[in-house]
Amino acid sequence: MAAFAHSAPCWVDVQLPDLEAGKRFYGELFGWTFRAGEEVDRGGPSADALSGGKLVAALAAKQDGRMPTAWGIYFATDDIVATVTRIRQAGGQVITEPVRVGGAGVLAQAADPGGAVFGLWQAGDRSGFQKQNEPGSFCWTEVYTRQKDRVDAFYEQVFGFRGTNLGSADTDGPGRGEPGTGEPGTGGPGTTGAGADTTGEPATRGSGTGESEARRSEESGTGGSDEDVPGVDFRMWSPAGSEPGPDTAIGGRSVITDAFPAEMPSYFLNYFAVADCDATAETGAHLGGRVSVPPFDIPYGRMAVLHDNQGAEFAVLQPPVSR
């Protein structure tokens, strides 16, 4: 399996009250198959999710009912101890100190200054995703925060991200360029979220501030595309050593606006690529999930935001058809 560049999104997992119900839901929704997951000292039963025989995610049974039912993102690091130290120095909080997961690797969990939780992964035998940017697999992540200045500085200090603000002169604006695929890289959703694979291949482009802007547009009647809504505040992240901009972006930062409930905490929204956004949303609802943001068009395809049948939130993105 190809190694991931330092700071690249390399894995996602979801914590669920009922592991077997989760396997049924995602198996029907994405066509995933499952096998027993790695044993982690701090956790319980888990299942690796596969798409076409390739690793794409993991489902885990919650051991504490106080834990959120949520999808989590992991960033690759080649020195997890040093990264944990930088997190503390930059004003973040370490939630789980580095813990070894058998021979697969070492993980840790942390929160940024705004409270959004993310994971770190130092690869051993397992690098992370074996498939990305294809239907049924991860394609993008973005953090939603109310403390953008502190959070921007945090991720750029901890991971060395190089930021590009939406609409700045060096981005050409949203919707430019043709989508592609790459493995094991990311790319994605967001108002502008474009992306490059962490090994140098182009990645699926996507939506960006899709969820917040969709809700705001519903209230204002402006429609779904972020290009229709003024004042979008979105920052793309490119890895250290790359030229910042849409072609190298691997994730992004959005702002929690008044369109969200006041009590909503900071969080990461993770996206999965799908072949048919509308059909996926319909299937999710049929399986007992909830569509919180119905399908709508963005410059990089068509997206929707869903909750599974236990409440975990995620987004789906249907890339545009190449011409």
Protein backbone atom coordinates (compact mmCIF):
# COMPACT_ATOMS: atom_id res chain seq x y z
CA MET A 1 0.00 0.00 0.00
CA ALA A 2 1.38 3.43 -0.88
CA ALA A 3 2.49 5.59 2.03
CA PHE A 4 0.70 8.86 2.70
CA ALA A 5 2.46 12.18 2.80
CA HIS A 6 2.77 13.82 6.21
CA SER A 7 -0.48 15.68 7.09
CA ALA A 8 -2.58 14.00 4.40
CA PRO A 9 -6.02 12.66 5.38
CA CYS A 10 -5.41 8.92 5.47
CA TRP A 11 -8.33 7.27 7.29
CA VAL A 12 -11.88 7.69 8.57
CA ASP A 13 -13.87 5.74 11.12
CA VAL A 14 -17.24 6.04 12.79
CA GLN A 15 -18.21 5.37 16.41
CA LEU A 16 -21.65 3.76 16.66
CA PRO A 17 -23.92 2.45 19.43
CA ASP A 18 -24.82 -0.62 17.36
CA LEU A 19 -22.02 -1.99 15.19
CA GLU A 20 -24.15 -4.59 13.42
CA ALA A 21 -26.82 -2.02 12.51
CA GLY A 22 -24.07 0.21 11.14
CA LYS A 23 -22.73 -2.58 8.97
CA ARG A 24 -26.20 -3.17 7.54
CA PHE A 25 -26.73 0.54 6.81
CA TYR A 26 -23.40 1.23 5.12
CA GLY A 27 -23.34 -2.12 3.41
CA GLU A 28 -26.61 -1.26 1.70
CA LEU A 29 -25.73 2.40 1.11
CA PHE A 30 -22.20 2.09 -0.29
CA GLY A 31 -21.99 -1.61 -1.10
CA TRP A 32 -19.32 -2.12 1.56
CA THR A 33 -18.31 -5.52 2.85
CA PHE A 34 -16.76 -6.04 6.27
CA ARG A 35 -14.17 -8.01 8.17
CA ALA A 36 -13.13 -7.96 11.82
CA GLY A 37 -11.09 -4.88 12.64
CA GLU A 38 -7.83 -4.45 14.52
CA GLU A 39 -8.00 -4.70 18.31
CA VAL A 40 -7.28 -1.38 20.02
CA ASP A 41 -6.44 -1.32 23.73
CA ARG A 42 -8.87 1.55 24.42
CA GLY A 43 -11.75 0.20 22.40
CA GLY A 44 -14.03 -2.72 21.69
CA PRO A 45 -15.34 -4.54 18.60
CA SER A 46 -14.76 -2.93 15.23
CA ALA A 47 -15.07 -3.78 11.56
CA ASP A 48 -12.97 -2.80 8.57
CA ALA A 49 -15.06 -1.62 5.62
CA LEU A 50 -14.02 -2.64 2.13
CA SER A 51 -15.16 -1.43 -1.27
CA GLY A 52 -14.26 -3.74 -4.10
CA GLY A 53 -11.95 -5.59 -1.73
CA LYS A 54 -10.02 -2.42 -0.77
CA LEU A 55 -9.95 -0.79 2.66
CA VAL A 56 -11.96 2.43 2.82
CA ALA A 57 -13.06 2.99 6.46
CA ALA A 58 -13.76 1.39 9.81
CA LEU A 59 -16.84 1.07 12.02
CA ALA A 60 -16.43 0.76 15.78
CA ALA A 61 -18.78 0.00 18.64
CA LYS A 62 -18.92 2.83 21.21
CA GLN A 63 -17.75 1.75 24.64
CA ASP A 64 -19.10 4.83 26.38
CA GLY A 65 -22.57 6.21 25.72
CA ARG A 66 -21.26 9.72 26.37
CA MET A 67 -19.06 9.54 23.27
CA PRO A 68 -20.48 11.21 20.16
CA THR A 69 -21.89 9.11 17.37
CA ALA A 70 -19.72 10.59 14.63
CA TRP A 71 -17.34 10.06 11.76
CA GLY A 72 -13.72 10.91 12.53
CA ILE A 73 -10.83 11.90 10.26
CA TYR A 74 -7.17 10.90 10.70
CA PHE A 75 -4.14 12.75 9.36
CA ALA A 76 -0.92 10.93 8.54
CA THR A 77 2.23 11.69 10.48
CA ASP A 78 5.70 10.21 10.32
CA ASP A 79 6.41 11.17 13.95
CA ILE A 80 3.29 11.04 16.10
CA VAL A 81 5.08 12.07 19.31
CA ALA A 82 6.45 15.22 17.68
CA THR A 83 3.03 16.03 16.20
CA VAL A 84 1.36 15.65 19.60
CA THR A 85 3.92 18.07 21.02
CA ARG A 86 3.16 20.62 18.30
CA ILE A 87 -0.57 20.27 18.99
CA ARG A 88 -0.06 21.29 22.59
CA GLN A 89 2.29 24.12 21.64
CA ALA A 90 -0.25 25.46 19.14
CA GLY A 91 -3.10 25.59 21.66
CA GLY A 92 -4.78 22.28 20.92
CA GLN A 93 -5.73 19.51 23.34
CA VAL A 94 -4.54 15.90 23.25
CA ILE A 95 -7.49 13.64 24.00
CA THR A 96 -5.84 10.25 23.52
CA GLU A 97 -2.09 9.89 23.88
CA PRO A 98 -0.36 7.78 21.20
CA VAL A 99 -1.46 4.15 21.43
CA ARG A 100 -0.25 1.24 19.34
CA VAL A 101 -2.82 -0.69 17.29
CA GLY A 102 -1.11 -4.04 16.98
CA GLY A 103 1.29 -3.97 14.07
CA ALA A 104 -0.98 -1.68 12.03
CA GLY A 105 0.39 1.57 13.43
CA VAL A 106 0.03 4.15 16.20
CA LEU A 107 -2.92 6.48 16.70
CA ALA A 108 -3.74 9.52 18.81
CA GLN A 109 -6.71 11.87 19.06
CA ALA A 110 -6.71 15.62 19.58
CA ALA A 111 -8.88 18.71 19.38
CA ASP A 112 -8.05 22.03 17.73
CA PRO A 113 -8.48 25.34 19.62
CA GLY A 114 -12.10 25.52 18.46
CA GLY A 115 -12.89 22.04 19.81
CA ALA A 116 -13.04 20.03 16.57
CA VAL A 117 -11.71 16.51 17.14
CA PHE A 118 -9.38 14.72 14.72
CA GLY A 119 -7.01 11.77 14.76
CA LEU A 120 -3.36 11.16 13.97
CA TRP A 121 -2.03 8.00 12.37
CA GLN A 122 1.59 6.86 12.17
CA ALA A 123 1.61 3.93 9.79
CA GLY A 124 3.02 0.54 10.61
CA ASP A 125 1.75 -2.31 8.44
CA ARG A 126 -1.31 -0.24 7.49
CA SER A 127 -0.93 3.11 5.76
CA GLY A 128 -4.61 3.98 5.50
CA PHE A 129 -7.07 4.07 2.61
CA GLN A 130 -6.50 1.64 -0.23
CA LYS A 131 -9.12 3.43 -2.31
CA GLN A 132 -10.18 7.07 -2.54
CA ASN A 133 -12.09 9.45 -4.78
CA GLU A 134 -14.07 6.60 -6.30
CA PRO A 135 -17.68 5.68 -5.54
CA GLY A 136 -17.98 4.24 -2.06
CA SER A 137 -14.81 5.82 -0.71
CA PHE A 138 -13.58 8.97 1.05
CA CYS A 139 -12.97 12.06 -1.08
CA TRP A 140 -12.74 15.20 1.12
CA THR A 141 -12.81 16.63 4.64
CA GLU A 142 -13.40 20.09 6.07
CA VAL A 143 -13.54 21.52 9.57
CA TYR A 144 -16.35 23.82 10.66
CA THR A 145 -15.38 26.34 13.33
CA ARG A 146 -16.34 29.63 14.94
CA GLN A 147 -12.69 30.50 15.67
CA LYS A 148 -11.23 30.69 12.19
CA ASP A 149 -8.16 32.79 13.00
CA ARG A 150 -6.98 30.53 15.82
CA VAL A 151 -7.86 27.41 13.87
CA ASP A 152 -6.10 28.54 10.68
CA ALA A 153 -2.93 29.26 12.62
CA PHE A 154 -3.21 25.94 14.48
CA TYR A 155 -3.38 23.67 11.42
CA GLU A 156 -0.68 25.60 9.61
CA GLN A 157 1.63 25.30 12.64
CA VAL A 158 0.87 21.66 13.43
CA PHE A 159 0.74 20.20 9.91
CA GLY A 160 2.49 22.84 7.86
CA PHE A 161 -0.61 23.39 5.73
CA ARG A 162 -0.43 26.23 3.24
CA GLY A 163 -3.74 28.04 3.05
CA THR A 164 -5.61 29.60 0.16
CA ASN A 165 -8.75 31.60 0.81
CA LEU A 166 -11.69 31.11 -1.52
CA GLY A 167 -11.75 33.77 -4.20
CA SER A 168 -8.17 34.95 -3.66
CA ALA A 169 -6.20 35.92 -6.73
CA ASP A 170 -4.19 32.71 -6.90
CA THR A 171 -7.18 30.34 -6.97
CA ASP A 172 -8.95 31.41 -10.16
CA GLY A 173 -12.17 31.14 -8.20
CA PRO A 174 -14.40 28.13 -7.66
CA GLY A 175 -15.32 25.72 -10.36
CA ARG A 176 -12.16 25.94 -12.45
CA GLY A 177 -10.44 22.84 -13.74
CA GLU A 178 -11.51 19.33 -14.55
CA PRO A 179 -12.09 16.66 -11.95
CA GLY A 180 -9.88 13.62 -11.75
CA THR A 181 -9.19 10.69 -9.50
CA GLY A 182 -6.21 9.60 -7.54
CA GLU A 183 -5.07 7.08 -4.98
CA PRO A 184 -4.40 7.35 -2.17
CA GLY A 185 -4.91 11.08 -2.28
CA THR A 186 -7.85 13.21 -1.42
CA GLY A 187 -9.64 16.07 -2.93
CA GLY A 188 -12.96 17.36 -2.70
CA PRO A 189 -16.04 18.93 -1.71
CA GLY A 190 -16.43 22.41 -0.54
CA THR A 191 -17.21 25.56 -2.33
CA THR A 192 -13.93 25.26 -4.03
CA GLY A 193 -12.42 22.18 -2.66
CA ALA A 194 -10.24 20.86 -5.36
CA GLY A 195 -7.55 18.44 -4.63
CA ALA A 196 -4.46 16.54 -5.48
CA ASP A 197 -3.49 13.08 -4.46
CA THR A 198 -0.79 13.03 -1.84
CA THR A 199 1.40 10.97 -4.15
CA GLY A 200 1.12 13.48 -6.97
CA GLU A 201 -1.94 12.27 -8.82
CA PRO A 202 -4.95 14.54 -9.40
CA ALA A 203 -7.87 13.97 -7.07
CA THR A 204 -11.61 14.34 -7.20
CA ARG A 205 -12.75 17.93 -6.86
CA GLY A 206 -15.73 18.73 -4.79
CA SER A 207 -17.87 21.11 -2.87
CA GLY A 208 -16.42 23.02 0.07
CA THR A 209 -18.61 25.00 2.35
CA GLY A 210 -21.53 23.06 0.99
CA GLU A 211 -23.50 22.37 4.16
CA SER A 212 -23.48 25.85 5.69
CA GLU A 213 -24.09 27.57 2.38
CA ALA A 214 -26.89 25.17 1.49
CA ARG A 215 -28.67 26.02 4.73
CA ARG A 216 -28.07 29.71 4.27
CA SER A 217 -29.27 29.60 0.69
CA GLU A 218 -32.46 27.80 1.74
CA GLU A 219 -33.21 30.70 4.07
CA SER A 220 -32.35 33.39 1.54
CA GLY A 221 -33.74 31.66 -1.53
CA THR A 222 -30.49 32.08 -3.43
CA GLY A 223 -30.12 28.47 -4.47
CA GLY A 224 -27.46 25.88 -3.71
CA SER A 225 -24.30 26.97 -5.49
CA ASP A 226 -21.76 28.82 -3.41
CA GLU A 227 -21.08 31.05 -6.38
CA ASP A 228 -24.59 32.45 -5.84
CA VAL A 229 -23.94 33.35 -2.19
CA PRO A 230 -21.69 36.33 -1.38
CA GLY A 231 -19.30 36.37 1.54
CA VAL A 232 -18.29 32.69 1.56
CA ASP A 233 -15.43 32.25 4.05
CA PHE A 234 -13.56 29.09 3.13
CA ARG A 235 -9.86 28.26 3.32
CA MET A 236 -8.29 25.39 1.41
CA TRP A 237 -5.36 23.45 2.83
CA SER A 238 -2.41 22.31 0.73
CA PRO A 239 0.43 20.18 2.12
CA ALA A 240 3.74 21.68 3.16
CA GLY A 241 6.11 21.99 0.24
CA SER A 242 3.33 22.28 -2.35
CA GLU A 243 2.11 25.32 -4.24
CA PRO A 244 -1.08 26.31 -2.40
CA GLY A 245 -4.29 26.36 -4.40
CA PRO A 246 -7.15 24.22 -5.71
CA ASP A 247 -4.90 21.80 -7.57
CA THR A 248 -3.10 20.70 -4.41
CA ALA A 249 -5.81 21.10 -1.75
CA ILE A 250 -6.41 18.12 0.54
CA GLY A 251 -9.07 19.63 2.82
CA GLY A 252 -10.36 22.89 4.12
CA ARG A 253 -11.79 25.13 6.81
CA SER A 254 -15.29 26.55 6.80
CA VAL A 255 -17.00 28.84 9.30
CA ILE A 256 -20.01 27.98 11.44
CA THR A 257 -22.47 30.70 10.49
CA ASP A 258 -25.80 31.82 11.88
CA ALA A 259 -27.38 29.18 9.64
CA PHE A 260 -26.34 26.62 12.28
CA PRO A 261 -27.83 26.24 15.78
CA ALA A 262 -25.96 28.28 18.40
CA GLU A 263 -25.17 25.13 20.40
CA MET A 264 -23.51 23.33 17.49
CA PRO A 265 -19.86 22.52 18.32
CA SER A 266 -16.91 22.65 15.92
CA TYR A 267 -16.55 19.45 13.90
CA PHE A 268 -15.17 17.79 10.77
CA LEU A 269 -17.51 16.90 7.92
CA ASN A 270 -16.24 13.98 5.86
CA TYR A 271 -17.34 13.28 2.29
CA PHE A 272 -17.72 10.05 0.35
CA ALA A 273 -17.79 9.86 -3.43
CA VAL A 274 -20.90 8.31 -4.99
CA ALA A 275 -22.07 7.58 -8.52
CA ASP A 276 -25.56 9.05 -8.01
CA CYS A 277 -26.11 11.62 -5.25
CA ASP A 278 -29.92 11.65 -5.47
CA ALA A 279 -30.21 7.87 -5.40
CA THR A 280 -27.80 7.65 -2.48
CA ALA A 281 -29.79 10.21 -0.48
CA GLU A 282 -33.03 8.36 -1.22
CA THR A 283 -31.48 5.05 -0.20
CA GLY A 284 -30.11 6.54 3.01
CA ALA A 285 -33.55 7.75 4.01
CA HIS A 286 -35.10 4.39 3.10
CA LEU A 287 -32.57 2.66 5.36
CA GLY A 288 -33.63 4.77 8.34
CA GLY A 289 -31.18 7.62 7.93
CA ARG A 290 -32.00 11.30 7.51
CA VAL A 291 -31.18 13.74 4.72
CA SER A 292 -30.31 17.01 6.48
CA VAL A 293 -29.26 18.86 3.31
CA PRO A 294 -31.01 17.55 0.16
CA PRO A 295 -29.00 17.06 -3.04
CA PHE A 296 -27.90 20.29 -4.72
CA ASP A 297 -25.41 21.29 -7.38
CA ILE A 298 -22.01 22.84 -6.66
CA PRO A 299 -19.15 23.74 -9.02
CA TYR A 300 -17.59 20.29 -8.57
CA GLY A 301 -20.62 18.05 -8.84
CA ARG A 302 -23.71 17.32 -6.79
CA MET A 303 -23.74 16.79 -3.04
CA ALA A 304 -25.97 16.09 -0.05
CA VAL A 305 -25.52 15.81 3.71
CA LEU A 306 -26.95 12.78 5.52
CA HIS A 307 -27.17 11.24 8.96
CA ASP A 308 -27.04 7.47 9.21
CA ASN A 309 -29.65 5.46 11.11
CA GLN A 310 -27.80 6.09 14.39
CA GLY A 311 -27.15 9.81 13.90
CA ALA A 312 -23.61 10.03 12.48
CA GLU A 313 -23.34 12.83 9.92
CA PHE A 314 -21.49 12.62 6.60
CA ALA A 315 -21.70 14.07 3.11
CA VAL A 316 -21.81 12.45 -0.32
CA LEU A 317 -20.48 13.90 -3.54
CA GLN A 318 -21.25 12.91 -7.12
CA PRO A 319 -18.48 14.29 -9.34
CA PRO A 320 -19.55 15.95 -12.60
CA VAL A 321 -19.57 13.85 -15.75
CA SER A 322 -16.38 14.36 -17.75
CA ARG A 323 -16.93 15.79 -21.20
